[in-house]
Full PDB file with SEQRES, HELIX, SHEET, SSBOND, CRYST1, ORIGX, SCALE, CONECT and MASTER records, all heavy atoms in Angstrom:
SEQRES   1 A   38  TRP VAL GLU ALA TYR ARG ARG ASP CYS VAL ASN LEU GLY          
SEQRES   2 A   38  ARG PRO VAL ARG LEU LEU TRP THR ASP ARG GLN THR GLU          
SEQRES   3 A   38  ALA GLU ALA VAL ASP ILE ASP GLY GLN PHE GLY LEU              
HELIX    1 AA1 VAL A    2  ASP A    8  1                                   7    
SHEET    1 AA1 2 PRO A  15  LEU A  19  0                                        
SHEET    2 AA1 2 GLN A  24  GLU A  28 -1                                        
CRYST1    1.000    1.000    1.000  90.00  90.00  90.00 P 1           1          
ORIGX1      1.000000  0.000000  0.000000        0.00000                         
ORIGX2      0.000000  1.000000  0.000000        0.00000                         
ORIGX3      0.000000  0.000000  1.000000        0.00000                         
SCALE1      1.000000  0.000000  0.000000        0.00000                         
SCALE2      0.000000  1.000000  0.000000        0.00000                         
SCALE3      0.000000  0.000000  1.000000        0.00000                         
ATOM      1  N   TRP A   1      12.237  -8.760  12.606  1.00  0.00           N  
ATOM      2  CA  TRP A   1      10.871  -8.246  12.670  1.00  0.00           C  
ATOM      3  C   TRP A   1      10.742  -6.976  11.826  1.00  0.00           C  
ATOM      4  O   TRP A   1       9.737  -6.781  11.139  1.00  0.00           O  
ATOM      5  CB  TRP A   1      10.490  -7.956  14.116  1.00  0.00           C  
ATOM      6  CG  TRP A   1      10.417  -9.172  14.982  1.00  0.00           C  
ATOM      7  CD1 TRP A   1      11.445  -9.759  15.671  1.00  0.00           C  
ATOM      8  CD2 TRP A   1       9.260  -9.974  15.239  1.00  0.00           C  
ATOM      9  NE1 TRP A   1      11.007 -10.859  16.345  1.00  0.00           N  
ATOM     10  CE2 TRP A   1       9.671 -11.022  16.114  1.00  0.00           C  
ATOM     11  CE3 TRP A   1       7.929  -9.899  14.843  1.00  0.00           C  
ATOM     12  CZ2 TRP A   1       8.781 -11.981  16.575  1.00  0.00           C  
ATOM     13  CZ3 TRP A   1       7.035 -10.862  15.301  1.00  0.00           C  
ATOM     14  CH2 TRP A   1       7.461 -11.888  16.155  1.00  0.00           C  
ATOM     15  N   VAL A   2      11.767  -6.117  11.883  1.00  0.00           N  
ATOM     16  CA  VAL A   2      11.750  -4.887  11.087  1.00  0.00           C  
ATOM     17  C   VAL A   2      11.748  -5.223   9.601  1.00  0.00           C  
ATOM     18  O   VAL A   2      11.015  -4.615   8.806  1.00  0.00           O  
ATOM     19  CB  VAL A   2      12.947  -3.984  11.442  1.00  0.00           C  
ATOM     20  CG1 VAL A   2      13.006  -2.772  10.511  1.00  0.00           C  
ATOM     21  CG2 VAL A   2      12.864  -3.530  12.901  1.00  0.00           C  
ATOM     22  N   GLU A   3      12.561  -6.196   9.201  1.00  0.00           N  
ATOM     23  CA  GLU A   3      12.610  -6.581   7.792  1.00  0.00           C  
ATOM     24  C   GLU A   3      11.265  -7.115   7.327  1.00  0.00           C  
ATOM     25  O   GLU A   3      10.803  -6.807   6.216  1.00  0.00           O  
ATOM     26  CB  GLU A   3      13.708  -7.632   7.572  1.00  0.00           C  
ATOM     27  CG  GLU A   3      15.111  -7.063   7.607  1.00  0.00           C  
ATOM     28  CD  GLU A   3      15.314  -5.960   6.575  1.00  0.00           C  
ATOM     29  OE1 GLU A   3      14.897  -6.147   5.407  1.00  0.00           O  
ATOM     30  OE2 GLU A   3      15.860  -4.904   6.944  1.00  0.00           O  
ATOM     31  N   ALA A   4      10.622  -7.935   8.151  1.00  0.00           N  
ATOM     32  CA  ALA A   4       9.303  -8.464   7.785  1.00  0.00           C  
ATOM     33  C   ALA A   4       8.281  -7.333   7.684  1.00  0.00           C  
ATOM     34  O   ALA A   4       7.449  -7.312   6.765  1.00  0.00           O  
ATOM     35  CB  ALA A   4       8.857  -9.492   8.814  1.00  0.00           C  
ATOM     36  N   TYR A   5       8.357  -6.394   8.612  1.00  0.00           N  
ATOM     37  CA  TYR A   5       7.444  -5.245   8.587  1.00  0.00           C  
ATOM     38  C   TYR A   5       7.659  -4.435   7.312  1.00  0.00           C  
ATOM     39  O   TYR A   5       6.693  -4.030   6.643  1.00  0.00           O  
ATOM     40  CB  TYR A   5       7.685  -4.375   9.820  1.00  0.00           C  
ATOM     41  CG  TYR A   5       6.679  -3.261  10.012  1.00  0.00           C  
ATOM     42  CD1 TYR A   5       5.685  -3.376  10.966  1.00  0.00           C  
ATOM     43  CD2 TYR A   5       6.734  -2.089   9.257  1.00  0.00           C  
ATOM     44  CE1 TYR A   5       4.765  -2.351  11.165  1.00  0.00           C  
ATOM     45  CE2 TYR A   5       5.824  -1.067   9.445  1.00  0.00           C  
ATOM     46  CZ  TYR A   5       4.843  -1.202  10.398  1.00  0.00           C  
ATOM     47  OH  TYR A   5       3.929  -0.180  10.586  1.00  0.00           O  
ATOM     48  N   ARG A   6       8.918  -4.213   6.975  1.00  0.00           N  
ATOM     49  CA  ARG A   6       9.247  -3.426   5.782  1.00  0.00           C  
ATOM     50  C   ARG A   6       8.667  -4.092   4.527  1.00  0.00           C  
ATOM     51  O   ARG A   6       8.135  -3.421   3.647  1.00  0.00           O  
ATOM     52  CB  ARG A   6      10.768  -3.274   5.681  1.00  0.00           C  
ATOM     53  CG  ARG A   6      11.244  -2.308   4.613  1.00  0.00           C  
ATOM     54  CD  ARG A   6      12.758  -2.170   4.646  1.00  0.00           C  
ATOM     55  NE  ARG A   6      13.219  -1.340   5.744  1.00  0.00           N  
ATOM     56  CZ  ARG A   6      14.075  -1.732   6.684  1.00  0.00           C  
ATOM     57  NH1 ARG A   6      14.567  -2.968   6.668  1.00  0.00           N  
ATOM     58  NH2 ARG A   6      14.454  -0.909   7.644  1.00  0.00           N  
ATOM     59  N   ARG A   7       8.757  -5.419   4.457  1.00  0.00           N  
ATOM     60  CA  ARG A   7       8.213  -6.136   3.303  1.00  0.00           C  
ATOM     61  C   ARG A   7       6.697  -6.003   3.205  1.00  0.00           C  
ATOM     62  O   ARG A   7       6.128  -5.975   2.114  1.00  0.00           O  
ATOM     63  CB  ARG A   7       8.583  -7.623   3.376  1.00  0.00           C  
ATOM     64  CG  ARG A   7      10.045  -7.929   3.123  1.00  0.00           C  
ATOM     65  CD  ARG A   7      10.257  -9.429   2.893  1.00  0.00           C  
ATOM     66  NE  ARG A   7       9.779 -10.240   4.009  1.00  0.00           N  
ATOM     67  CZ  ARG A   7      10.525 -10.604   5.041  1.00  0.00           C  
ATOM     68  NH1 ARG A   7      11.798 -10.211   5.109  1.00  0.00           N  
ATOM     69  NH2 ARG A   7      10.030 -11.352   6.005  1.00  0.00           N  
ATOM     70  N   ASP A   8       6.036  -5.941   4.355  1.00  0.00           N  
ATOM     71  CA  ASP A   8       4.575  -5.943   4.372  1.00  0.00           C  
ATOM     72  C   ASP A   8       3.955  -4.546   4.370  1.00  0.00           C  
ATOM     73  O   ASP A   8       2.737  -4.415   4.224  1.00  0.00           O  
ATOM     74  CB  ASP A   8       4.063  -6.686   5.614  1.00  0.00           C  
ATOM     75  CG  ASP A   8       4.339  -8.184   5.556  1.00  0.00           C  
ATOM     76  OD1 ASP A   8       4.428  -8.723   4.435  1.00  0.00           O  
ATOM     77  OD2 ASP A   8       4.466  -8.805   6.629  1.00  0.00           O  
ATOM     78  N   CYS A   9       4.762  -3.517   4.533  1.00  0.00           N  
ATOM     79  CA  CYS A   9       4.227  -2.167   4.732  1.00  0.00           C  
ATOM     80  C   CYS A   9       3.711  -1.565   3.415  1.00  0.00           C  
ATOM     81  O   CYS A   9       4.451  -1.453   2.433  1.00  0.00           O  
ATOM     82  CB  CYS A   9       5.301  -1.260   5.328  1.00  0.00           C  
ATOM     83  SG  CYS A   9       4.689   0.393   5.747  1.00  0.00           S  
ATOM     84  N   VAL A  10       2.441  -1.169   3.400  1.00  0.00           N  
ATOM     85  CA  VAL A  10       1.840  -0.614   2.185  1.00  0.00           C  
ATOM     86  C   VAL A  10       2.212   0.846   1.969  1.00  0.00           C  
ATOM     87  O   VAL A  10       1.997   1.389   0.888  1.00  0.00           O  
ATOM     88  CB  VAL A  10       0.301  -0.731   2.204  1.00  0.00           C  
ATOM     89  CG1 VAL A  10      -0.125  -2.183   2.257  1.00  0.00           C  
ATOM     90  CG2 VAL A  10      -0.298   0.059   3.358  1.00  0.00           C  
ATOM     91  N   ASN A  11       2.754   1.501   2.977  1.00  0.00           N  
ATOM     92  CA  ASN A  11       3.076   2.923   2.844  1.00  0.00           C  
ATOM     93  C   ASN A  11       4.255   3.184   1.927  1.00  0.00           C  
ATOM     94  O   ASN A  11       4.294   4.216   1.238  1.00  0.00           O  
ATOM     95  CB  ASN A  11       3.398   3.527   4.224  1.00  0.00           C  
ATOM     96  CG  ASN A  11       2.280   3.384   5.218  1.00  0.00           C  
ATOM     97  OD1 ASN A  11       2.032   2.282   5.700  1.00  0.00           O  
ATOM     98  ND2 ASN A  11       1.589   4.480   5.534  1.00  0.00           N  
ATOM     99  N   LEU A  12       5.224   2.271   1.921  1.00  0.00           N  
ATOM    100  CA  LEU A  12       6.504   2.563   1.290  1.00  0.00           C  
ATOM    101  C   LEU A  12       6.370   2.770  -0.216  1.00  0.00           C  
ATOM    102  O   LEU A  12       5.702   2.001  -0.917  1.00  0.00           O  
ATOM    103  CB  LEU A  12       7.499   1.448   1.587  1.00  0.00           C  
ATOM    104  CG  LEU A  12       7.808   1.238   3.075  1.00  0.00           C  
ATOM    105  CD1 LEU A  12       8.906   0.202   3.252  1.00  0.00           C  
ATOM    106  CD2 LEU A  12       8.170   2.543   3.763  1.00  0.00           C  
ATOM    107  N   GLY A  13       7.021   3.839  -0.676  1.00  0.00           N  
ATOM    108  CA  GLY A  13       7.009   4.184  -2.089  1.00  0.00           C  
ATOM    109  C   GLY A  13       5.740   4.873  -2.544  1.00  0.00           C  
ATOM    110  O   GLY A  13       5.553   5.079  -3.756  1.00  0.00           O  
ATOM    111  N   ARG A  14       4.890   5.255  -1.616  1.00  0.00           N  
ATOM    112  CA  ARG A  14       3.610   5.850  -1.979  1.00  0.00           C  
ATOM    113  C   ARG A  14       3.457   7.230  -1.355  1.00  0.00           C  
ATOM    114  O   ARG A  14       4.037   7.520  -0.293  1.00  0.00           O  
ATOM    115  CB  ARG A  14       2.450   4.959  -1.532  1.00  0.00           C  
ATOM    116  CG  ARG A  14       2.502   3.585  -2.158  1.00  0.00           C  
ATOM    117  CD  ARG A  14       1.408   2.679  -1.651  1.00  0.00           C  
ATOM    118  NE  ARG A  14       0.085   3.101  -2.072  1.00  0.00           N  
ATOM    119  CZ  ARG A  14      -1.027   2.388  -1.853  1.00  0.00           C  
ATOM    120  NH1 ARG A  14      -0.939   1.231  -1.202  1.00  0.00           N  
ATOM    121  NH2 ARG A  14      -2.199   2.815  -2.258  1.00  0.00           N  
ATOM    122  N   PRO A  15       2.666   8.099  -1.986  1.00  0.00           N  
ATOM    123  CA  PRO A  15       2.350   9.388  -1.357  1.00  0.00           C  
ATOM    124  C   PRO A  15       1.544   9.159  -0.087  1.00  0.00           C  
ATOM    125  O   PRO A  15       0.643   8.310  -0.055  1.00  0.00           O  
ATOM    126  CB  PRO A  15       1.508  10.100  -2.424  1.00  0.00           C  
ATOM    127  CG  PRO A  15       1.735   9.364  -3.681  1.00  0.00           C  
ATOM    128  CD  PRO A  15       2.028   7.943  -3.295  1.00  0.00           C  
ATOM    129  N   VAL A  16       1.878   9.885   0.954  1.00  0.00           N  
ATOM    130  CA  VAL A  16       1.144   9.793   2.211  1.00  0.00           C  
ATOM    131  C   VAL A  16       0.806  11.194   2.690  1.00  0.00           C  
ATOM    132  O   VAL A  16       1.404  12.190   2.272  1.00  0.00           O  
ATOM    133  CB  VAL A  16       1.964   9.055   3.303  1.00  0.00           C  
ATOM    134  CG1 VAL A  16       2.192   7.607   2.925  1.00  0.00           C  
ATOM    135  CG2 VAL A  16       3.290   9.754   3.573  1.00  0.00           C  
ATOM    136  N   ARG A  17      -0.142  11.256   3.551  1.00  0.00           N  
ATOM    137  CA  ARG A  17      -0.526  12.517   4.174  1.00  0.00           C  
ATOM    138  C   ARG A  17      -0.276  12.395   5.663  1.00  0.00           C  
ATOM    139  O   ARG A  17      -0.806  11.495   6.326  1.00  0.00           O  
ATOM    140  CB  ARG A  17      -1.999  12.829   3.896  1.00  0.00           C  
ATOM    141  CG  ARG A  17      -2.507  14.093   4.576  1.00  0.00           C  
ATOM    142  CD  ARG A  17      -3.939  14.369   4.166  1.00  0.00           C  
ATOM    143  NE  ARG A  17      -3.996  14.771   2.762  1.00  0.00           N  
ATOM    144  CZ  ARG A  17      -5.139  14.887   2.075  1.00  0.00           C  
ATOM    145  NH1 ARG A  17      -6.282  14.579   2.656  1.00  0.00           N  
ATOM    146  NH2 ARG A  17      -5.110  15.289   0.829  1.00  0.00           N  
ATOM    147  N   LEU A  18       0.543  13.281   6.195  1.00  0.00           N  
ATOM    148  CA  LEU A  18       0.848  13.293   7.623  1.00  0.00           C  
ATOM    149  C   LEU A  18      -0.191  14.153   8.319  1.00  0.00           C  
ATOM    150  O   LEU A  18      -0.322  15.345   8.019  1.00  0.00           O  
ATOM    151  CB  LEU A  18       2.250  13.850   7.870  1.00  0.00           C  
ATOM    152  CG  LEU A  18       3.383  13.247   7.005  1.00  0.00           C  
ATOM    153  CD1 LEU A  18       4.715  13.903   7.359  1.00  0.00           C  
ATOM    154  CD2 LEU A  18       3.458  11.744   7.184  1.00  0.00           C  
ATOM    155  N   LEU A  19      -0.915  13.545   9.230  1.00  0.00           N  
ATOM    156  CA  LEU A  19      -1.991  14.252   9.913  1.00  0.00           C  
ATOM    157  C   LEU A  19      -1.494  14.727  11.271  1.00  0.00           C  
ATOM    158  O   LEU A  19      -1.730  14.113  12.300  1.00  0.00           O  
ATOM    159  CB  LEU A  19      -3.213  13.336  10.057  1.00  0.00           C  
ATOM    160  CG  LEU A  19      -3.682  12.664   8.749  1.00  0.00           C  
ATOM    161  CD1 LEU A  19      -4.875  11.770   9.011  1.00  0.00           C  
ATOM    162  CD2 LEU A  19      -4.033  13.716   7.707  1.00  0.00           C  
ATOM    163  N   TRP A  20      -0.745  15.842  11.235  1.00  0.00           N  
ATOM    164  CA  TRP A  20      -0.270  16.431  12.480  1.00  0.00           C  
ATOM    165  C   TRP A  20      -1.464  17.014  13.229  1.00  0.00           C  
ATOM    166  O   TRP A  20      -2.545  17.206  12.680  1.00  0.00           O  
ATOM    167  CB  TRP A  20       0.754  17.534  12.213  1.00  0.00           C  
ATOM    168  CG  TRP A  20       1.881  17.128  11.311  1.00  0.00           C  
ATOM    169  CD1 TRP A  20       2.086  17.545  10.032  1.00  0.00           C  
ATOM    170  CD2 TRP A  20       2.950  16.242  11.609  1.00  0.00           C  
ATOM    171  NE1 TRP A  20       3.219  16.975   9.502  1.00  0.00           N  
ATOM    172  CE2 TRP A  20       3.767  16.165  10.448  1.00  0.00           C  
ATOM    173  CE3 TRP A  20       3.298  15.490  12.732  1.00  0.00           C  
ATOM    174  CZ2 TRP A  20       4.903  15.380  10.397  1.00  0.00           C  
ATOM    175  CZ3 TRP A  20       4.430  14.708  12.670  1.00  0.00           C  
ATOM    176  CH2 TRP A  20       5.220  14.650  11.522  1.00  0.00           C  
ATOM    177  N   THR A  21      -1.267  17.334  14.507  1.00  0.00           N  
ATOM    178  CA  THR A  21      -2.377  17.861  15.300  1.00  0.00           C  
ATOM    179  C   THR A  21      -2.848  19.215  14.794  1.00  0.00           C  
ATOM    180  O   THR A  21      -4.020  19.558  14.908  1.00  0.00           O  
ATOM    181  CB  THR A  21      -1.955  18.007  16.781  1.00  0.00           C  
ATOM    182  OG1 THR A  21      -0.768  18.808  16.856  1.00  0.00           O  
ATOM    183  CG2 THR A  21      -1.685  16.641  17.392  1.00  0.00           C  
ATOM    184  N   ASP A  22      -1.950  20.011  14.196  1.00  0.00           N  
ATOM    185  CA  ASP A  22      -2.329  21.361  13.792  1.00  0.00           C  
ATOM    186  C   ASP A  22      -2.292  21.578  12.284  1.00  0.00           C  
ATOM    187  O   ASP A  22      -2.616  22.664  11.808  1.00  0.00           O  
ATOM    188  CB  ASP A  22      -1.403  22.385  14.475  1.00  0.00           C  
ATOM    189  CG  ASP A  22       0.063  22.161  14.150  1.00  0.00           C  
ATOM    190  OD1 ASP A  22       0.384  21.054  13.670  1.00  0.00           O  
ATOM    191  OD2 ASP A  22       0.875  23.071  14.374  1.00  0.00           O  
ATOM    192  N   ARG A  23      -1.894  20.552  11.508  1.00  0.00           N  
ATOM    193  CA  ARG A  23      -1.789  20.754  10.064  1.00  0.00           C  
ATOM    194  C   ARG A  23      -1.701  19.408   9.357  1.00  0.00           C  
ATOM    195  O   ARG A  23      -1.558  18.367   9.994  1.00  0.00           O  
ATOM    196  CB  ARG A  23      -0.558  21.598   9.726  1.00  0.00           C  
ATOM    197  CG  ARG A  23       0.762  20.893   9.995  1.00  0.00           C  
ATOM    198  CD  ARG A  23       1.945  21.820   9.847  1.00  0.00           C  
ATOM    199  NE  ARG A  23       3.220  21.124   9.898  1.00  0.00           N  
ATOM    200  CZ  ARG A  23       3.801  20.683  10.996  1.00  0.00           C  
ATOM    201  NH1 ARG A  23       3.201  20.862  12.163  1.00  0.00           N  
ATOM    202  NH2 ARG A  23       4.978  20.075  10.943  1.00  0.00           N  
ATOM    203  N   GLN A  24      -1.781  19.436   8.031  1.00  0.00           N  
ATOM    204  CA  GLN A  24      -1.584  18.252   7.218  1.00  0.00           C  
ATOM    205  C   GLN A  24      -0.438  18.515   6.253  1.00  0.00           C  
ATOM    206  O   GLN A  24      -0.314  19.615   5.725  1.00  0.00           O  
ATOM    207  CB  GLN A  24      -2.858  17.906   6.436  1.00  0.00           C  
ATOM    208  CG  GLN A  24      -4.035  17.551   7.327  1.00  0.00           C  
ATOM    209  CD  GLN A  24      -5.248  17.135   6.515  1.00  0.00           C  
ATOM    210  OE1 GLN A  24      -5.182  17.036   5.299  1.00  0.00           O  
ATOM    211  NE2 GLN A  24      -6.358  16.898   7.194  1.00  0.00           N  
ATOM    212  N   THR A  25       0.387  17.493   6.049  1.00  0.00           N  
ATOM    213  CA  THR A  25       1.541  17.642   5.173  1.00  0.00           C  
ATOM    214  C   THR A  25       1.602  16.473   4.209  1.00  0.00           C  
ATOM    215  O   THR A  25       1.468  15.315   4.616  1.00  0.00           O  
ATOM    216  CB  THR A  25       2.849  17.695   5.998  1.00  0.00           C  
ATOM    217  OG1 THR A  25       2.783  18.778   6.923  1.00  0.00           O  
ATOM    218  CG2 THR A  25       4.055  17.881   5.080  1.00  0.00           C  
ATOM    219  N   GLU A  26       1.804  16.771   2.918  1.00  0.00           N  
ATOM    220  CA  GLU A  26       1.996  15.726   1.927  1.00  0.00           C  
ATOM    221  C   GLU A  26       3.471  15.287   1.942  1.00  0.00           C  
ATOM    222  O   GLU A  26       4.366  16.112   2.134  1.00  0.00           O  
ATOM    223  CB  GLU A  26       1.633  16.226   0.526  1.00  0.00           C  
ATOM    224  CG  GLU A  26       0.206  16.742   0.404  1.00  0.00           C  
ATOM    225  CD  GLU A  26      -0.830  15.653   0.559  1.00  0.00           C  
ATOM    226  OE1 GLU A  26      -0.531  14.502   0.202  1.00  0.00           O  
ATOM    227  OE2 GLU A  26      -1.933  15.947   1.051  1.00  0.00           O  
ATOM    228  N   ALA A  27       3.700  14.010   1.762  1.00  0.00           N  
ATOM    229  CA  ALA A  27       5.069  13.489   1.776  1.00  0.00           C  
ATOM    230  C   ALA A  27       5.096  12.176   1.006  1.00  0.00           C  
ATOM    231  O   ALA A  27       4.071  11.694   0.521  1.00  0.00           O  
ATOM    232  CB  ALA A  27       5.547  13.290   3.218  1.00  0.00           C  
ATOM    233  N   GLU A  28       6.299  11.597   0.917  1.00  0.00           N  
ATOM    234  CA  GLU A  28       6.448  10.272   0.323  1.00  0.00           C  
ATOM    235  C   GLU A  28       7.109   9.368   1.348  1.00  0.00           C  
ATOM    236  O   GLU A  28       8.142   9.711   1.942  1.00  0.00           O  
ATOM    237  CB  GLU A  28       7.318  10.320  -0.930  1.00  0.00           C  
ATOM    238  CG  GLU A  28       7.525   8.940  -1.560  1.00  0.00           C  
ATOM    239  CD  GLU A  28       8.557   8.938  -2.666  1.00  0.00           C  
ATOM    240  OE1 GLU A  28       9.193   9.989  -2.891  1.00  0.00           O  
ATOM    241  OE2 GLU A  28       8.757   7.877  -3.298  1.00  0.00           O  
ATOM    242  N   ALA A  29       6.507   8.198   1.592  1.00  0.00           N  
ATOM    243  CA  ALA A  29       7.079   7.234   2.533  1.00  0.00           C  
ATOM    244  C   ALA A  29       8.210   6.481   1.839  1.00  0.00           C  
ATOM    245  O   ALA A  29       8.009   5.912   0.768  1.00  0.00           O  
ATOM    246  CB  ALA A  29       6.010   6.264   3.008  1.00  0.00           C  
ATOM    247  N   VAL A  30       9.405   6.477   2.461  1.00  0.00           N  
ATOM    248  CA  VAL A  30      10.563   5.872   1.785  1.00  0.00           C  
ATOM    249  C   VAL A  30      11.178   4.701   2.539  1.00  0.00           C  
ATOM    250  O   VAL A  30      11.865   3.872   1.926  1.00  0.00           O  
ATOM    251  CB  VAL A  30      11.651   6.940   1.503  1.00  0.00           C  
ATOM    252  CG1 VAL A  30      11.124   7.984   0.550  1.00  0.00           C  
ATOM    253  CG2 VAL A  30      12.152   7.579   2.796  1.00  0.00           C  
ATOM    254  N   ASP A  31      10.947   4.595   3.864  1.00  0.00           N  
ATOM    255  CA  ASP A  31      11.614   3.501   4.588  1.00  0.00           C  
ATOM    256  C   ASP A  31      11.000   3.331   5.965  1.00  0.00           C  
ATOM    257  O   ASP A  31      10.222   4.174   6.447  1.00  0.00           O  
ATOM    258  CB  ASP A  31      13.110   3.801   4.720  1.00  0.00           C  
ATOM    259  CG  ASP A  31      13.945   2.553   5.032  1.00  0.00           C  
ATOM    260  OD1 ASP A  31      13.381   1.433   4.996  1.00  0.00           O  
ATOM    261  OD2 ASP A  31      15.148   2.705   5.301  1.00  0.00           O  
ATOM    262  N   ILE A  32      11.363   2.207   6.599  1.00  0.00           N  
ATOM    263  CA  ILE A  32      11.061   1.932   8.004  1.00  0.00           C  
ATOM    264  C   ILE A  32      12.388   1.832   8.732  1.00  0.00           C  
ATOM    265  O   ILE A  32      13.283   1.091   8.305  1.00  0.00           O  
ATOM    266  CB  ILE A  32      10.276   0.615   8.160  1.00  0.00           C  
ATOM    267  CG1 ILE A  32       8.953   0.678   7.402  1.00  0.00           C  
ATOM    268  CG2 ILE A  32      10.039   0.290   9.629  1.00  0.00           C  
ATOM    269  CD1 ILE A  32       7.966   1.697   7.919  1.00  0.00           C  
ATOM    270  N   ASP A  33      12.554   2.593   9.817  1.00  0.00           N  
ATOM    271  CA  ASP A  33      13.841   2.534  10.514  1.00  0.00           C  
ATOM    272  C   ASP A  33      13.864   1.378  11.511  1.00  0.00           C  
ATOM    273  O   ASP A  33      12.921   0.594  11.605  1.00  0.00           O  
ATOM    274  CB  ASP A  33      14.173   3.882  11.166  1.00  0.00           C  
ATOM    275  CG  ASP A  33      13.388   4.161  12.449  1.00  0.00           C  
ATOM    276  OD1 ASP A  33      12.577   3.309  12.875  1.00  0.00           O  
ATOM    277  OD2 ASP A  33      13.577   5.251  13.026  1.00  0.00           O  
ATOM    278  N   GLY A  34      14.955   1.254  12.260  1.00  0.00           N  
ATOM    279  CA  GLY A  34      15.164   0.108  13.128  1.00  0.00           C  
ATOM    280  C   GLY A  34      14.228   0.013  14.310  1.00  0.00           C  
ATOM    281  O   GLY A  34      14.206  -1.016  14.993  1.00  0.00           O  
ATOM    282  N   GLN A  35      13.444   1.063  14.573  1.00  0.00           N  
ATOM    283  CA  GLN A  35      12.450   1.024  15.651  1.00  0.00           C  
ATOM    284  C   GLN A  35      11.042   1.222  15.099  1.00  0.00           C  
ATOM    285  O   GLN A  35      10.149   1.688  15.803  1.00  0.00           O  
ATOM    286  CB  GLN A  35      12.778   2.106  16.702  1.00  0.00           C  
ATOM    287  CG  GLN A  35      14.036   1.833  17.496  1.00  0.00           C  
ATOM    288  CD  GLN A  35      13.892   0.618  18.403  1.00  0.00           C  
ATOM    289  OE1 GLN A  35      12.798   0.262  18.830  1.00  0.00           O  
ATOM    290  NE2 GLN A  35      15.021  -0.030  18.707  1.00  0.00           N  
ATOM    291  N   PHE A  36      10.863   0.879  13.829  1.00  0.00           N  
ATOM    292  CA  PHE A  36       9.565   0.924  13.162  1.00  0.00           C  
ATOM    293  C   PHE A  36       9.045   2.343  12.928  1.00  0.00           C  
ATOM    294  O   PHE A  36       7.852   2.541  12.700  1.00  0.00           O  
ATOM    295  CB  PHE A  36       8.509   0.112  13.933  1.00  0.00           C  
ATOM    296  CG  PHE A  36       8.839  -1.350  14.034  1.00  0.00           C  
ATOM    297  CD1 PHE A  36       9.555  -1.837  15.121  1.00  0.00           C  
ATOM    298  CD2 PHE A  36       8.463  -2.233  13.039  1.00  0.00           C  
ATOM    299  CE1 PHE A  36       9.879  -3.181  15.228  1.00  0.00           C  
ATOM    300  CE2 PHE A  36       8.785  -3.587  13.137  1.00  0.00           C  
ATOM    301  CZ  PHE A  36       9.491  -4.063  14.227  1.00  0.00           C  
ATOM    302  N   GLY A  37       9.945   3.323  12.976  1.00  0.00           N  
ATOM    303  CA  GLY A  37       9.552   4.673  12.598  1.00  0.00           C  
ATOM    304  C   GLY A  37       9.400   4.771  11.087  1.00  0.00           C  
ATOM    305  O   GLY A  37      10.105   4.093  10.328  1.00  0.00           O  
ATOM    306  N   LEU A  38       8.493   5.633  10.614  1.00  0.00           N  
ATOM    307  CA  LEU A  38       8.253   5.810   9.186  1.00  0.00           C  
ATOM    308  C   LEU A  38       9.106   6.971   8.671  1.00  0.00           C  
ATOM    309  O   LEU A  38       8.919   8.114   9.084  1.00  0.00           O  
ATOM    310  CB  LEU A  38       6.779   6.090   8.922  1.00  0.00           C  
ATOM    311  CG  LEU A  38       6.376   6.274   7.460  1.00  0.00           C  
ATOM    312  CD1 LEU A  38       6.572   4.979   6.674  1.00  0.00           C  
ATOM    313  CD2 LEU A  38       4.924   6.754   7.353  1.00  0.00           C  
TER     314      LEU A  38                                                      
MASTER        0    0    0    1    2    0    0    6  313    1    0    3          
END                                                                             
């Protein structure tokens, strides 16, 4: 299931913005871990 998710995930390899409760952070999405964490 993780492998299928990784194949379908549009975030990977792209700039993302992390919308924390108190701030925003720019980052790059690089992988999905074994529990679907980004």
